[in-house]
């Protein structure tokens, strides 16, 4: 069992930056792939990025967002730069086995945090 807790969300102006954190506890966190998803009101949960042995980003955030992890702290980070109003959403971190595929499918992730709100004003 893995417990995930996100933090770092908030209100920022367009063009600004935020860094989200996802702190894990429980089983060996370093053995899991960790992804970030987001969900805007009235929309489906959307893949943002994932880190396993390599990283994969959604086209909408490529070049602006960076995922990283500190296994010593059991924490994964999402650095978000050049934020846009369309990035406004609740952001979730999630963990799953690093094997297999379908990284974009939230249904393949076993553990989820509670989410943190990111709001980008025009």
C-alpha atoms as a PDB file:
ATOM      1  CA  UNK A   1       0.000   0.000   0.000  1.00  0.00           C
ATOM      2  CA  UNK A   2       1.243   3.480  -0.888  1.00  0.00           C
ATOM      3  CA  UNK A   3      -0.184   6.741   0.435  1.00  0.00           C
ATOM      4  CA  UNK A   4       0.310   9.889  -1.633  1.00  0.00           C
ATOM      5  CA  UNK A   5      -0.140  13.487  -0.514  1.00  0.00           C
ATOM      6  CA  UNK A   6       0.108  16.408  -2.923  1.00  0.00           C
ATOM      7  CA  UNK A   7       0.945  19.969  -1.967  1.00  0.00           C
ATOM      8  CA  UNK A   8       2.067  23.199  -3.577  1.00  0.00           C
ATOM      9  CA  UNK A   9      -1.019  24.235  -5.471  1.00  0.00           C
ATOM     10  CA  UNK A  10      -2.324  27.770  -5.444  1.00  0.00           C
ATOM     11  CA  UNK A  11      -3.263  30.824  -7.452  1.00  0.00           C
ATOM     12  CA  UNK A  12      -0.769  32.238  -9.934  1.00  0.00           C
ATOM     13  CA  UNK A  13      -0.901  34.666 -12.829  1.00  0.00           C
ATOM     14  CA  UNK A  14      -0.424  33.516 -16.384  1.00  0.00           C
ATOM     15  CA  UNK A  15       3.249  33.154 -17.156  1.00  0.00           C
ATOM     16  CA  UNK A  16       4.073  32.312 -13.574  1.00  0.00           C
ATOM     17  CA  UNK A  17       5.422  29.133 -12.003  1.00  0.00           C
ATOM     18  CA  UNK A  18       4.452  26.637  -9.338  1.00  0.00           C
ATOM     19  CA  UNK A  19       6.091  23.507  -8.002  1.00  0.00           C
ATOM     20  CA  UNK A  20       3.881  20.687  -6.845  1.00  0.00           C
ATOM     21  CA  UNK A  21       5.089  17.988  -4.489  1.00  0.00           C
ATOM     22  CA  UNK A  22       3.851  14.445  -4.047  1.00  0.00           C
ATOM     23  CA  UNK A  23       5.030  12.862  -0.813  1.00  0.00           C
ATOM     24  CA  UNK A  24       4.720   9.102  -0.482  1.00  0.00           C
ATOM     25  CA  UNK A  25       4.626   6.739   2.442  1.00  0.00           C
ATOM     26  CA  UNK A  26       4.168   3.010   2.730  1.00  0.00           C
ATOM     27  CA  UNK A  27       5.835   0.530   0.441  1.00  0.00           C
ATOM     28  CA  UNK A  28       9.089   1.205  -1.391  1.00  0.00           C
ATOM     29  CA  UNK A  29       8.189   4.234  -3.414  1.00  0.00           C
ATOM     30  CA  UNK A  30      11.236   4.118  -5.661  1.00  0.00           C
ATOM     31  CA  UNK A  31       9.973   0.921  -7.326  1.00  0.00           C
ATOM     32  CA  UNK A  32       6.850   2.631  -8.661  1.00  0.00           C
ATOM     33  CA  UNK A  33       6.252   4.729 -11.712  1.00  0.00           C
ATOM     34  CA  UNK A  34       4.684   8.030 -10.688  1.00  0.00           C
ATOM     35  CA  UNK A  35       2.459  10.135 -12.851  1.00  0.00           C
ATOM     36  CA  UNK A  36       0.672  13.450 -12.655  1.00  0.00           C
ATOM     37  CA  UNK A  37      -2.849  13.941 -13.897  1.00  0.00           C
ATOM     38  CA  UNK A  38      -5.194  16.899 -13.818  1.00  0.00           C
ATOM     39  CA  UNK A  39      -8.906  17.407 -13.930  1.00  0.00           C
ATOM     40  CA  UNK A  40     -10.691  20.625 -14.778  1.00  0.00           C
ATOM     41  CA  UNK A  41     -14.362  21.174 -13.891  1.00  0.00           C
ATOM     42  CA  UNK A  42     -16.635  19.248 -16.205  1.00  0.00           C
ATOM     43  CA  UNK A  43     -13.755  17.461 -17.903  1.00  0.00           C
ATOM     44  CA  UNK A  44     -12.231  14.013 -17.690  1.00  0.00           C
ATOM     45  CA  UNK A  45      -9.020  13.368 -15.804  1.00  0.00           C
ATOM     46  CA  UNK A  46      -6.142  14.143 -18.145  1.00  0.00           C
ATOM     47  CA  UNK A  47      -2.636  12.719 -18.311  1.00  0.00           C
ATOM     48  CA  UNK A  48       0.124  15.264 -17.661  1.00  0.00           C
ATOM     49  CA  UNK A  49       3.336  13.262 -17.321  1.00  0.00           C
ATOM     50  CA  UNK A  50       4.888  10.119 -15.894  1.00  0.00           C
ATOM     51  CA  UNK A  51       8.301   9.137 -14.638  1.00  0.00           C
ATOM     52  CA  UNK A  52       9.599   5.588 -14.628  1.00  0.00           C
ATOM     53  CA  UNK A  53      12.975   4.822 -16.210  1.00  0.00           C
ATOM     54  CA  UNK A  54      12.247   7.696 -18.562  1.00  0.00           C
ATOM     55  CA  UNK A  55       9.749  10.511 -18.617  1.00  0.00           C
ATOM     56  CA  UNK A  56       6.743  11.069 -20.857  1.00  0.00           C
ATOM     57  CA  UNK A  57       4.868  14.346 -21.150  1.00  0.00           C
ATOM     58  CA  UNK A  58       1.564  15.313 -22.678  1.00  0.00           C
ATOM     59  CA  UNK A  59       2.022  17.562 -25.694  1.00  0.00           C
ATOM     60  CA  UNK A  60       0.131  20.336 -23.933  1.00  0.00           C
ATOM     61  CA  UNK A  61       2.782  20.651 -21.208  1.00  0.00           C
ATOM     62  CA  UNK A  62       5.941  19.577 -23.018  1.00  0.00           C
ATOM     63  CA  UNK A  63       8.679  22.156 -22.627  1.00  0.00           C
ATOM     64  CA  UNK A  64       6.875  23.889 -19.751  1.00  0.00           C
ATOM     65  CA  UNK A  65       6.497  21.182 -17.068  1.00  0.00           C
ATOM     66  CA  UNK A  66       9.225  19.004 -15.579  1.00  0.00           C
ATOM     67  CA  UNK A  67       8.756  15.950 -13.412  1.00  0.00           C
ATOM     68  CA  UNK A  68      11.495  14.877 -11.019  1.00  0.00           C
ATOM     69  CA  UNK A  69      11.835  12.647  -7.994  1.00  0.00           C
ATOM     70  CA  UNK A  70      13.929  12.443  -4.867  1.00  0.00           C
ATOM     71  CA  UNK A  71      13.849   8.826  -3.758  1.00  0.00           C
ATOM     72  CA  UNK A  72      15.681   9.645  -0.532  1.00  0.00           C
ATOM     73  CA  UNK A  73      12.703  11.823   0.420  1.00  0.00           C
ATOM     74  CA  UNK A  74      10.080   9.613  -1.240  1.00  0.00           C
ATOM     75  CA  UNK A  75       8.863  12.676  -3.073  1.00  0.00           C
ATOM     76  CA  UNK A  76       8.034  13.473  -6.674  1.00  0.00           C
ATOM     77  CA  UNK A  77       7.886  17.038  -7.944  1.00  0.00           C
ATOM     78  CA  UNK A  78       6.157  18.760 -10.827  1.00  0.00           C
ATOM     79  CA  UNK A  79       7.764  22.036 -11.790  1.00  0.00           C
ATOM     80  CA  UNK A  80       5.301  24.057 -13.840  1.00  0.00           C
ATOM     81  CA  UNK A  81       6.562  27.092 -15.748  1.00  0.00           C
ATOM     82  CA  UNK A  82       4.921  29.469 -18.210  1.00  0.00           C
ATOM     83  CA  UNK A  83       1.540  28.605 -16.788  1.00  0.00           C
ATOM     84  CA  UNK A  84      -1.569  29.293 -18.833  1.00  0.00           C
ATOM     85  CA  UNK A  85      -5.204  29.725 -17.765  1.00  0.00           C
ATOM     86  CA  UNK A  86      -5.964  26.398 -19.449  1.00  0.00           C
ATOM     87  CA  UNK A  87      -3.653  24.706 -16.943  1.00  0.00           C
ATOM     88  CA  UNK A  88      -6.223  25.450 -14.241  1.00  0.00           C
ATOM     89  CA  UNK A  89      -7.303  22.142 -12.683  1.00  0.00           C
ATOM     90  CA  UNK A  90      -6.985  19.876  -9.695  1.00  0.00           C
ATOM     91  CA  UNK A  91      -3.666  18.085 -10.010  1.00  0.00           C
ATOM     92  CA  UNK A  92      -3.238  14.525  -8.809  1.00  0.00           C
ATOM     93  CA  UNK A  93      -0.210  12.327  -8.437  1.00  0.00           C
ATOM     94  CA  UNK A  94      -0.600   8.607  -8.915  1.00  0.00           C
ATOM     95  CA  UNK A  95       1.576   5.507  -8.688  1.00  0.00           C
ATOM     96  CA  UNK A  96       1.627   2.197 -10.527  1.00  0.00           C
ATOM     97  CA  UNK A  97       3.956  -0.557 -11.619  1.00  0.00           C
ATOM     98  CA  UNK A  98       6.672   0.687 -13.993  1.00  0.00           C
ATOM     99  CA  UNK A  99       6.013  -2.245 -16.314  1.00  0.00           C
ATOM    100  CA  UNK A 100       3.459  -2.351 -19.055  1.00  0.00           C
ATOM    101  CA  UNK A 101       2.046   0.487 -21.111  1.00  0.00           C
ATOM    102  CA  UNK A 102      -1.036   2.734 -21.288  1.00  0.00           C
ATOM    103  CA  UNK A 103       0.657   5.446 -19.261  1.00  0.00           C
ATOM    104  CA  UNK A 104      -2.038   7.872 -20.326  1.00  0.00           C
ATOM    105  CA  UNK A 105      -4.871   5.840 -18.835  1.00  0.00           C
ATOM    106  CA  UNK A 106      -5.668   6.805 -15.230  1.00  0.00           C
ATOM    107  CA  UNK A 107      -7.333   3.415 -14.804  1.00  0.00           C
ATOM    108  CA  UNK A 108      -3.924   1.723 -14.864  1.00  0.00           C
ATOM    109  CA  UNK A 109      -2.739   3.543 -11.717  1.00  0.00           C
ATOM    110  CA  UNK A 110      -3.212   1.865  -8.347  1.00  0.00           C
ATOM    111  CA  UNK A 111      -2.642   4.683  -5.879  1.00  0.00           C
ATOM    112  CA  UNK A 112      -3.825   8.280  -5.904  1.00  0.00           C
ATOM    113  CA  UNK A 113      -3.385  11.393  -3.826  1.00  0.00           C
ATOM    114  CA  UNK A 114      -6.220  13.678  -2.811  1.00  0.00           C
ATOM    115  CA  UNK A 115      -5.333  16.387  -5.327  1.00  0.00           C
ATOM    116  CA  UNK A 116      -4.207  19.990  -5.116  1.00  0.00           C
ATOM    117  CA  UNK A 117      -5.871  22.928  -6.836  1.00  0.00           C
ATOM    118  CA  UNK A 118      -3.948  25.004  -9.354  1.00  0.00           C
ATOM    119  CA  UNK A 119      -5.590  28.168 -10.614  1.00  0.00           C
ATOM    120  CA  UNK A 120      -3.992  30.337 -13.287  1.00  0.00           C
ATOM    121  CA  UNK A 121      -5.485  33.774 -13.758  1.00  0.00           C
ATOM    122  CA  UNK A 122      -5.294  35.587 -17.124  1.00  0.00           C
END
